Amino acid sequence: MGVLGRETRAIQNPALGATLIAAATRGFGEATGAHGGMPLPVAFLILPIVFHAATYHLVAGTLRKSGLRYFADKFGQNKIAQSDLLLAIQKRAVSMRPTTFEALDVMLRSGLAILDPKKAEIAATDTLTTILKQIQAEKALHSDAEKLGYWLGLLSPFELTTILKVAF
């Protein structure tokens, strides 16, 4: 692994990814109600969006109440005009699968979330709240991951694939 690979790994590491996916899972649960866990395939969208600077800044700059459709519409606006970034989410999701798998492993082993194997859904636990109270540096990152999860929870898998141009 080269220097750039090591630097990327230091920032985009499985432990941070675990807390971000768990935060998104919590937001997803808020959107769907107490019964809804995040479908496992949807979890693979979190890190490619949050760990990518341009897409993250659009998440951070979009109000929670605006939703995923408005977020996706921003890619086509004249002042941004970066529709290629929206189309690249699928490619990043595929290339980041190993990191996402590692993050899911850390998340489940540490008790940040639980997996329902029959439904293939993950749900955040109260452990996440305790951990997030201790984390100071990435508060905005976790808050925006939770916002993204909330948006994802408001839509069906078909709507997600249509809006984000991804395939599960």
N, C-alpha and C. Protein backbone atom coordinates (compact mmCIF):
# COMPACT_ATOMS: atom_id res chain seq x y z
N MET A 1 0.85 -1.17 0.00
CA MET A 1 0.00 0.00 0.00
C MET A 1 0.90 1.23 0.00
N GLY A 2 0.61 2.16 -0.91
CA GLY A 2 1.41 3.36 -1.02
C GLY A 2 1.06 4.39 0.04
N VAL A 3 1.77 5.51 -0.01
CA VAL A 3 1.57 6.57 0.97
C VAL A 3 0.14 7.11 0.90
N LEU A 4 -0.35 7.35 -0.31
CA LEU A 4 -1.71 7.87 -0.46
C LEU A 4 -2.74 6.86 0.06
N GLY A 5 -2.51 5.59 -0.21
CA GLY A 5 -3.41 4.55 0.29
C GLY A 5 -3.44 4.50 1.81
N ARG A 6 -2.28 4.65 2.44
CA ARG A 6 -2.22 4.65 3.91
C ARG A 6 -2.91 5.88 4.48
N GLU A 7 -2.73 7.03 3.84
CA GLU A 7 -3.38 8.26 4.31
C GLU A 7 -4.90 8.15 4.17
N THR A 8 -5.34 7.60 3.05
CA THR A 8 -6.78 7.42 2.85
C THR A 8 -7.33 6.47 3.89
N ARG A 9 -6.62 5.39 4.14
CA ARG A 9 -7.05 4.40 5.13
C ARG A 9 -7.11 5.01 6.53
N ALA A 10 -6.20 5.93 6.83
CA ALA A 10 -6.20 6.56 8.16
C ALA A 10 -7.45 7.40 8.37
N ILE A 11 -7.95 7.99 7.30
CA ILE A 11 -9.14 8.84 7.40
C ILE A 11 -10.41 8.02 7.19
N GLN A 12 -10.42 7.22 6.15
CA GLN A 12 -11.60 6.41 5.83
C GLN A 12 -11.45 5.03 6.45
N ASN A 13 -11.41 4.99 7.76
CA ASN A 13 -11.16 3.72 8.44
C ASN A 13 -12.46 3.06 8.88
N PRO A 14 -12.42 1.76 9.13
CA PRO A 14 -13.63 1.02 9.51
C PRO A 14 -14.28 1.50 10.81
N ALA A 15 -13.51 1.97 11.77
CA ALA A 15 -14.10 2.42 13.03
C ALA A 15 -14.95 3.67 12.81
N LEU A 16 -14.43 4.64 12.08
CA LEU A 16 -15.21 5.83 11.76
C LEU A 16 -16.40 5.44 10.89
N GLY A 17 -16.16 4.58 9.90
CA GLY A 17 -17.24 4.10 9.04
C GLY A 17 -18.35 3.43 9.85
N ALA A 18 -17.96 2.67 10.86
CA ALA A 18 -18.95 1.98 11.71
C ALA A 18 -19.86 2.97 12.40
N THR A 19 -19.28 4.03 12.96
CA THR A 19 -20.11 5.02 13.66
C THR A 19 -20.97 5.81 12.69
N LEU A 20 -20.45 6.06 11.48
CA LEU A 20 -21.24 6.80 10.48
C LEU A 20 -22.42 5.97 9.97
N ILE A 21 -22.18 4.69 9.71
CA ILE A 21 -23.28 3.83 9.26
C ILE A 21 -24.30 3.67 10.38
N ALA A 22 -23.83 3.52 11.62
CA ALA A 22 -24.76 3.41 12.75
C ALA A 22 -25.58 4.69 12.90
N ALA A 23 -24.96 5.85 12.72
CA ALA A 23 -25.69 7.11 12.80
C ALA A 23 -26.74 7.18 11.69
N ALA A 24 -26.37 6.76 10.48
CA ALA A 24 -27.33 6.74 9.37
C ALA A 24 -28.46 5.77 9.66
N THR A 25 -28.13 4.66 10.28
CA THR A 25 -29.14 3.67 10.65
C THR A 25 -30.13 4.26 11.65
N ARG A 26 -29.60 5.04 12.58
CA ARG A 26 -30.48 5.70 13.55
C ARG A 26 -31.41 6.69 12.85
N GLY A 27 -30.88 7.46 11.91
CA GLY A 27 -31.71 8.39 11.15
C GLY A 27 -32.75 7.66 10.32
N PHE A 28 -32.36 6.54 9.74
CA PHE A 28 -33.28 5.71 8.96
C PHE A 28 -34.43 5.24 9.85
N GLY A 29 -34.08 4.80 11.06
CA GLY A 29 -35.09 4.33 12.00
C GLY A 29 -36.06 5.44 12.39
N GLU A 30 -35.56 6.66 12.55
CA GLU A 30 -36.43 7.80 12.85
C GLU A 30 -37.44 8.02 11.74
N ALA A 31 -36.98 7.90 10.51
CA ALA A 31 -37.84 8.15 9.36
C ALA A 31 -38.90 7.08 9.19
N THR A 32 -38.55 5.84 9.49
CA THR A 32 -39.48 4.73 9.25
C THR A 32 -40.29 4.36 10.47
N GLY A 33 -39.94 4.88 11.62
CA GLY A 33 -40.63 4.51 12.85
C GLY A 33 -39.91 3.39 13.56
N ALA A 34 -40.43 2.99 14.68
CA ALA A 34 -39.77 2.01 15.54
C ALA A 34 -39.60 0.65 14.87
N HIS A 35 -40.41 0.34 13.87
CA HIS A 35 -40.37 -0.98 13.25
C HIS A 35 -39.29 -1.13 12.20
N GLY A 36 -38.77 -0.02 11.72
CA GLY A 36 -37.91 -0.09 10.55
C GLY A 36 -36.43 -0.12 10.83
N GLY A 37 -35.78 -1.18 10.38
CA GLY A 37 -34.33 -1.22 10.35
C GLY A 37 -33.89 -0.89 8.94
N MET A 38 -32.64 -0.46 8.79
CA MET A 38 -32.12 -0.13 7.46
C MET A 38 -31.79 -1.43 6.71
N PRO A 39 -32.33 -1.59 5.50
CA PRO A 39 -31.94 -2.75 4.70
C PRO A 39 -30.43 -2.75 4.48
N LEU A 40 -29.82 -3.89 4.61
CA LEU A 40 -28.37 -4.00 4.51
C LEU A 40 -27.81 -3.39 3.22
N PRO A 41 -28.43 -3.61 2.05
CA PRO A 41 -27.88 -2.99 0.83
C PRO A 41 -27.82 -1.46 0.89
N VAL A 42 -28.75 -0.84 1.59
CA VAL A 42 -28.78 0.62 1.69
C VAL A 42 -27.57 1.11 2.48
N ALA A 43 -27.09 0.33 3.44
CA ALA A 43 -25.93 0.72 4.24
C ALA A 43 -24.69 0.93 3.37
N PHE A 44 -24.65 0.29 2.21
CA PHE A 44 -23.50 0.42 1.33
C PHE A 44 -23.47 1.76 0.58
N LEU A 45 -24.49 2.58 0.76
CA LEU A 45 -24.51 3.91 0.14
C LEU A 45 -23.94 4.98 1.06
N ILE A 46 -23.87 4.73 2.35
CA ILE A 46 -23.50 5.76 3.31
C ILE A 46 -22.06 6.23 3.12
N LEU A 47 -21.10 5.34 3.18
CA LEU A 47 -19.70 5.75 3.10
C LEU A 47 -19.33 6.36 1.75
N PRO A 48 -19.80 5.83 0.63
CA PRO A 48 -19.46 6.48 -0.65
C PRO A 48 -19.99 7.91 -0.77
N ILE A 49 -21.04 8.22 -0.05
CA ILE A 49 -21.56 9.59 -0.08
C ILE A 49 -20.86 10.46 0.96
N VAL A 50 -20.72 9.96 2.17
CA VAL A 50 -20.17 10.77 3.27
C VAL A 50 -18.64 10.91 3.17
N PHE A 51 -17.95 9.88 2.70
CA PHE A 51 -16.49 9.95 2.59
C PHE A 51 -16.01 10.68 1.33
N HIS A 52 -16.90 11.10 0.47
CA HIS A 52 -16.53 11.83 -0.75
C HIS A 52 -16.81 13.31 -0.52
N ALA A 53 -15.80 14.14 -0.65
CA ALA A 53 -15.91 15.55 -0.25
C ALA A 53 -17.06 16.29 -0.95
N ALA A 54 -17.17 16.15 -2.25
CA ALA A 54 -18.18 16.92 -2.99
C ALA A 54 -19.60 16.50 -2.62
N THR A 55 -19.85 15.19 -2.51
CA THR A 55 -21.20 14.75 -2.16
C THR A 55 -21.48 15.05 -0.69
N TYR A 56 -20.46 14.92 0.15
CA TYR A 56 -20.66 15.24 1.57
C TYR A 56 -21.06 16.71 1.75
N HIS A 57 -20.39 17.61 1.03
CA HIS A 57 -20.71 19.03 1.18
C HIS A 57 -22.14 19.32 0.75
N LEU A 58 -22.65 18.57 -0.22
CA LEU A 58 -24.04 18.76 -0.62
C LEU A 58 -25.00 18.21 0.45
N VAL A 59 -24.63 17.12 1.09
CA VAL A 59 -25.44 16.61 2.21
C VAL A 59 -25.44 17.65 3.33
N ALA A 60 -24.26 18.13 3.69
CA ALA A 60 -24.13 19.10 4.78
C ALA A 60 -24.89 20.39 4.46
N GLY A 61 -24.94 20.77 3.19
CA GLY A 61 -25.59 22.00 2.80
C GLY A 61 -27.07 21.87 2.48
N THR A 62 -27.63 20.71 2.74
CA THR A 62 -29.06 20.49 2.47
C THR A 62 -29.78 20.28 3.80
N LEU A 63 -30.86 20.97 3.98
CA LEU A 63 -31.62 20.83 5.21
C LEU A 63 -32.23 19.45 5.33
N ARG A 64 -32.35 18.96 6.54
CA ARG A 64 -32.93 17.64 6.80
C ARG A 64 -34.33 17.52 6.21
N LYS A 65 -35.13 18.59 6.36
CA LYS A 65 -36.51 18.55 5.88
C LYS A 65 -36.61 18.57 4.35
N SER A 66 -35.52 18.93 3.66
CA SER A 66 -35.55 19.01 2.20
C SER A 66 -35.61 17.63 1.55
N GLY A 67 -34.88 16.68 2.09
CA GLY A 67 -34.94 15.31 1.61
C GLY A 67 -33.96 14.95 0.52
N LEU A 68 -33.96 13.66 0.20
CA LEU A 68 -33.01 13.10 -0.76
C LEU A 68 -33.26 13.60 -2.18
N ARG A 69 -34.50 13.81 -2.54
CA ARG A 69 -34.79 14.30 -3.90
C ARG A 69 -34.16 15.67 -4.12
N TYR A 70 -34.30 16.55 -3.15
CA TYR A 70 -33.71 17.89 -3.27
C TYR A 70 -32.19 17.78 -3.31
N PHE A 71 -31.61 16.91 -2.47
CA PHE A 71 -30.17 16.66 -2.48
C PHE A 71 -29.72 16.24 -3.88
N ALA A 72 -30.42 15.28 -4.48
CA ALA A 72 -30.05 14.79 -5.81
C ALA A 72 -30.26 15.86 -6.88
N ASP A 73 -31.29 16.67 -6.72
CA ASP A 73 -31.55 17.74 -7.69
C ASP A 73 -30.42 18.76 -7.71
N LYS A 74 -29.73 18.93 -6.60
CA LYS A 74 -28.63 19.90 -6.54
C LYS A 74 -27.51 19.58 -7.53
N PHE A 75 -27.34 18.31 -7.86
CA PHE A 75 -26.28 17.92 -8.78
C PHE A 75 -26.51 18.47 -10.18
N GLY A 76 -27.76 18.74 -10.52
CA GLY A 76 -28.07 19.25 -11.85
C GLY A 76 -28.27 20.74 -11.92
N GLN A 77 -28.19 21.43 -10.80
CA GLN A 77 -28.38 22.88 -10.80
C GLN A 77 -27.23 23.57 -11.54
N ASN A 78 -27.55 24.67 -12.18
CA ASN A 78 -26.56 25.38 -13.00
C ASN A 78 -25.29 25.76 -12.26
N LYS A 79 -25.42 26.25 -11.02
CA LYS A 79 -24.23 26.70 -10.30
C LYS A 79 -23.36 25.53 -9.85
N ILE A 80 -23.91 24.34 -9.76
CA ILE A 80 -23.13 23.17 -9.37
C ILE A 80 -22.81 22.31 -10.59
N ALA A 81 -23.85 21.93 -11.33
CA ALA A 81 -23.74 21.16 -12.57
C ALA A 81 -22.70 20.03 -12.48
N GLN A 82 -22.91 19.14 -11.55
CA GLN A 82 -22.00 18.01 -11.38
C GLN A 82 -22.78 16.70 -11.38
N SER A 83 -23.59 16.50 -12.41
CA SER A 83 -24.40 15.28 -12.46
C SER A 83 -23.53 14.04 -12.51
N ASP A 84 -22.29 14.18 -12.96
CA ASP A 84 -21.38 13.03 -12.97
C ASP A 84 -21.09 12.53 -11.56
N LEU A 85 -21.14 13.42 -10.56
CA LEU A 85 -20.93 13.00 -9.18
C LEU A 85 -22.04 12.09 -8.70
N LEU A 86 -23.25 12.39 -9.11
CA LEU A 86 -24.39 11.55 -8.75
C LEU A 86 -24.24 10.18 -9.39
N LEU A 87 -23.84 10.16 -10.65
CA LEU A 87 -23.67 8.89 -11.35
C LEU A 87 -22.49 8.09 -10.80
N ALA A 88 -21.53 8.75 -10.19
CA ALA A 88 -20.35 8.07 -9.65
C ALA A 88 -20.59 7.40 -8.31
N ILE A 89 -21.73 7.65 -7.67
CA ILE A 89 -22.01 7.03 -6.38
C ILE A 89 -21.99 5.51 -6.51
N GLN A 90 -22.57 4.98 -7.57
CA GLN A 90 -22.59 3.52 -7.78
C GLN A 90 -21.18 2.96 -7.86
N LYS A 91 -20.34 3.60 -8.64
CA LYS A 91 -18.96 3.12 -8.80
C LYS A 91 -18.21 3.17 -7.47
N ARG A 92 -18.39 4.27 -6.72
CA ARG A 92 -17.74 4.38 -5.42
C ARG A 92 -18.28 3.33 -4.44
N ALA A 93 -19.57 3.07 -4.51
CA ALA A 93 -20.17 2.06 -3.62
C ALA A 93 -19.54 0.69 -3.87
N VAL A 94 -19.31 0.38 -5.12
CA VAL A 94 -18.69 -0.91 -5.46
C VAL A 94 -17.23 -0.93 -5.00
N SER A 95 -16.49 0.15 -5.26
CA SER A 95 -15.08 0.16 -4.89
C SER A 95 -14.88 0.24 -3.37
N MET A 96 -15.87 0.75 -2.65
CA MET A 96 -15.75 0.86 -1.19
C MET A 96 -16.39 -0.31 -0.45
N ARG A 97 -16.81 -1.34 -1.16
CA ARG A 97 -17.41 -2.49 -0.49
C ARG A 97 -16.52 -3.07 0.61
N PRO A 98 -15.22 -3.27 0.35
CA PRO A 98 -14.40 -3.84 1.44
C PRO A 98 -14.39 -2.96 2.69
N THR A 99 -14.29 -1.64 2.51
CA THR A 99 -14.31 -0.73 3.66
C THR A 99 -15.66 -0.79 4.36
N THR A 100 -16.75 -0.84 3.59
CA THR A 100 -18.08 -0.91 4.18
C THR A 100 -18.26 -2.23 4.93
N PHE A 101 -17.80 -3.34 4.35
CA PHE A 101 -17.89 -4.63 5.05
C PHE A 101 -17.12 -4.58 6.38
N GLU A 102 -15.92 -4.00 6.36
CA GLU A 102 -15.14 -3.90 7.59
C GLU A 102 -15.86 -3.01 8.61
N ALA A 103 -16.44 -1.91 8.13
CA ALA A 103 -17.16 -1.00 9.03
C ALA A 103 -18.38 -1.70 9.63
N LEU A 104 -19.10 -2.46 8.81
CA LEU A 104 -20.25 -3.21 9.33
C LEU A 104 -19.81 -4.23 10.37
N ASP A 105 -18.68 -4.87 10.13
CA ASP A 105 -18.15 -5.84 11.08
C ASP A 105 -17.84 -5.17 12.41
N VAL A 106 -17.15 -4.03 12.36
CA VAL A 106 -16.82 -3.30 13.58
C VAL A 106 -18.10 -2.84 14.28
N MET A 107 -19.04 -2.34 13.49
CA MET A 107 -20.30 -1.83 14.05
C MET A 107 -21.06 -2.92 14.79
N LEU A 108 -21.17 -4.09 14.19
CA LEU A 108 -21.92 -5.18 14.80
C LEU A 108 -21.18 -5.78 15.99
N ARG A 109 -19.87 -5.94 15.86
CA ARG A 109 -19.09 -6.52 16.96
C ARG A 109 -19.03 -5.61 18.18
N SER A 110 -19.07 -4.30 17.94
CA SER A 110 -19.00 -3.35 19.05
C SER A 110 -20.36 -3.05 19.66
N GLY A 111 -21.41 -3.55 19.05
CA GLY A 111 -22.75 -3.35 19.59
C GLY A 111 -23.38 -2.02 19.23
N LEU A 112 -22.82 -1.31 18.25
CA LEU A 112 -23.41 -0.05 17.81
C LEU A 112 -24.75 -0.27 17.11
N ALA A 113 -24.90 -1.45 16.54
CA ALA A 113 -26.14 -1.81 15.84
C ALA A 113 -26.30 -3.31 15.92
N ILE A 114 -27.52 -3.75 15.64
CA ILE A 114 -27.80 -5.19 15.59
C ILE A 114 -28.31 -5.53 14.21
N LEU A 115 -28.08 -6.76 13.82
CA LEU A 115 -28.50 -7.26 12.52
C LEU A 115 -29.64 -8.25 12.71
N ASP A 116 -30.71 -8.03 11.96
CA ASP A 116 -31.80 -9.01 11.91
C ASP A 116 -31.56 -9.84 10.66
N PRO A 117 -31.01 -11.05 10.81
CA PRO A 117 -30.64 -11.84 9.63
C PRO A 117 -31.84 -12.29 8.79
N LYS A 118 -33.00 -12.41 9.40
CA LYS A 118 -34.18 -12.83 8.63
C LYS A 118 -34.66 -11.74 7.68
N LYS A 119 -34.55 -10.49 8.13
CA LYS A 119 -34.98 -9.36 7.31
C LYS A 119 -33.82 -8.69 6.57
N ALA A 120 -32.58 -9.05 6.92
CA ALA A 120 -31.37 -8.40 6.39
C ALA A 120 -31.43 -6.90 6.63
N GLU A 121 -31.73 -6.54 7.90
CA GLU A 121 -31.82 -5.14 8.30
C GLU A 121 -30.94 -4.90 9.51
N ILE A 122 -30.41 -3.68 9.58
CA ILE A 122 -29.62 -3.29 10.74
C ILE A 122 -30.32 -2.14 11.46
N ALA A 123 -30.21 -2.15 12.78
CA ALA A 123 -30.84 -1.12 13.60
C ALA A 123 -29.83 -0.65 14.64
N ALA A 124 -29.75 0.65 14.84
CA ALA A 124 -28.83 1.23 15.83
C ALA A 124 -29.29 0.87 17.24
N THR A 125 -28.32 0.76 18.13
CA THR A 125 -28.60 0.49 19.54
C THR A 125 -28.33 1.76 20.36
N ASP A 126 -28.63 1.70 21.63
CA ASP A 126 -28.37 2.83 22.52
C ASP A 126 -26.87 3.06 22.73
N THR A 127 -26.06 2.06 22.42
CA THR A 127 -24.61 2.21 22.55
C THR A 127 -24.10 3.35 21.68
N LEU A 128 -24.74 3.55 20.53
CA LEU A 128 -24.33 4.62 19.62
C LEU A 128 -24.43 5.98 20.30
N THR A 129 -25.49 6.22 21.03
CA THR A 129 -25.67 7.50 21.72
C THR A 129 -24.52 7.76 22.69
N THR A 130 -24.14 6.74 23.43
CA THR A 130 -23.03 6.85 24.38
C THR A 130 -21.73 7.19 23.67
N ILE A 131 -21.47 6.50 22.57
CA ILE A 131 -20.24 6.72 21.80
C ILE A 131 -20.22 8.12 21.21
N LEU A 132 -21.33 8.55 20.63
CA LEU A 132 -21.38 9.86 19.98
C LEU A 132 -21.23 11.00 20.98
N LYS A 133 -21.61 10.79 22.23
CA LYS A 133 -21.41 11.82 23.26
C LYS A 133 -19.93 12.01 23.54
N GLN A 134 -19.14 10.96 23.35
CA GLN A 134 -17.71 11.02 23.63
C GLN A 134 -16.92 11.58 22.45
N ILE A 135 -17.46 11.47 21.26
CA ILE A 135 -16.76 11.93 20.06
C ILE A 135 -17.01 13.43 19.90
N GLN A 136 -15.96 14.20 19.80
CA GLN A 136 -16.10 15.64 19.64
C GLN A 136 -15.77 16.10 18.22
N ALA A 137 -14.74 15.52 17.63
CA ALA A 137 -14.21 16.03 16.38
C ALA A 137 -15.14 15.86 15.18
N GLU A 138 -15.89 14.80 15.13
CA GLU A 138 -16.69 14.50 13.94
C GLU A 138 -18.18 14.68 14.16
N LYS A 139 -18.58 15.57 15.04
CA LYS A 139 -20.00 15.74 15.35
C LYS A 139 -20.81 16.07 14.10
N ALA A 140 -20.33 16.99 13.28
CA ALA A 140 -21.07 17.38 12.07
C ALA A 140 -21.14 16.22 11.10
N LEU A 141 -20.06 15.47 10.97
CA LEU A 141 -20.03 14.32 10.07
C LEU A 141 -21.07 13.29 10.48
N HIS A 142 -21.16 13.00 11.76
CA HIS A 142 -22.14 12.03 12.25
C HIS A 142 -23.56 12.56 12.11
N SER A 143 -23.74 13.83 12.37
CA SER A 143 -25.06 14.44 12.23
C SER A 143 -25.53 14.39 10.77
N ASP A 144 -24.61 14.64 9.85
CA ASP A 144 -24.97 14.60 8.43
C ASP A 144 -25.20 13.17 7.95
N ALA A 145 -24.47 12.21 8.51
CA ALA A 145 -24.73 10.81 8.18
C ALA A 145 -26.11 10.39 8.67
N GLU A 146 -26.48 10.87 9.85
CA GLU A 146 -27.81 10.58 10.38
C GLU A 146 -28.89 11.21 9.50
N LYS A 147 -28.63 12.42 9.03
CA LYS A 147 -29.56 13.11 8.13
C LYS A 147 -29.73 12.30 6.84
N LEU A 148 -28.61 11.82 6.29
CA LEU A 148 -28.67 11.01 5.07
C LEU A 148 -29.49 9.75 5.31
N GLY A 149 -29.27 9.10 6.43
CA GLY A 149 -30.06 7.91 6.77
C GLY A 149 -31.53 8.22 6.88
N TYR A 150 -31.86 9.38 7.45
CA TYR A 150 -33.26 9.81 7.56
C TYR A 150 -33.87 9.95 6.17
N TRP A 151 -33.15 10.60 5.27
CA TRP A 151 -33.66 10.75 3.90
C TRP A 151 -33.88 9.39 3.24
N LEU A 152 -32.92 8.49 3.42
CA LEU A 152 -33.03 7.17 2.81
C LEU A 152 -34.24 6.41 3.36
N GLY A 153 -34.53 6.63 4.64
CA GLY A 153 -35.65 5.95 5.27
C GLY A 153 -37.01 6.41 4.81
N LEU A 154 -37.07 7.57 4.20
CA LEU A 154 -38.35 8.10 3.72
C LEU A 154 -38.76 7.54 2.36
N LEU A 155 -37.86 6.80 1.73
CA LEU A 155 -38.10 6.34 0.36
C LEU A 155 -38.03 4.83 0.26
N SER A 156 -38.69 4.31 -0.76
CA SER A 156 -38.62 2.87 -1.04
C SER A 156 -37.30 2.55 -1.75
N PRO A 157 -36.88 1.29 -1.73
CA PRO A 157 -35.66 0.93 -2.47
C PRO A 157 -35.74 1.31 -3.95
N PHE A 158 -36.91 1.17 -4.55
CA PHE A 158 -37.06 1.56 -5.96
C PHE A 158 -36.80 3.06 -6.14
N GLU A 159 -37.36 3.87 -5.24
CA GLU A 159 -37.14 5.32 -5.32
C GLU A 159 -35.66 5.65 -5.13
N LEU A 160 -35.00 4.96 -4.22
CA LEU A 160 -33.57 5.20 -3.98
C LEU A 160 -32.76 4.91 -5.24
N THR A 161 -33.05 3.80 -5.89
CA THR A 161 -32.29 3.45 -7.09
C THR A 161 -32.55 4.46 -8.21
N THR A 162 -33.75 4.96 -8.29
CA THR A 162 -34.08 5.94 -9.33
C THR A 162 -33.43 7.29 -9.05
N ILE A 163 -33.53 7.76 -7.83
CA ILE A 163 -33.02 9.08 -7.48
C ILE A 163 -31.49 9.12 -7.49
N LEU A 164 -30.84 8.11 -6.89
CA LEU A 164 -29.39 8.10 -6.77
C LEU A 164 -28.69 7.39 -7.93
N LYS A 165 -29.46 6.83 -8.82
CA LYS A 165 -28.88 6.14 -10.00
C LYS A 165 -27.96 5.01 -9.58
N VAL A 166 -28.41 4.22 -8.60
CA VAL A 166 -27.63 3.08 -8.12
C VAL A 166 -28.45 1.80 -8.30
N ALA A 167 -27.76 0.68 -8.21
CA ALA A 167 -28.42 -0.63 -8.28
C ALA A 167 -28.04 -1.43 -7.05
N PHE A 168 -29.00 -2.18 -6.55
CA PHE A 168 -28.74 -3.04 -5.39
C PHE A 168 -28.60 -4.47 -5.84
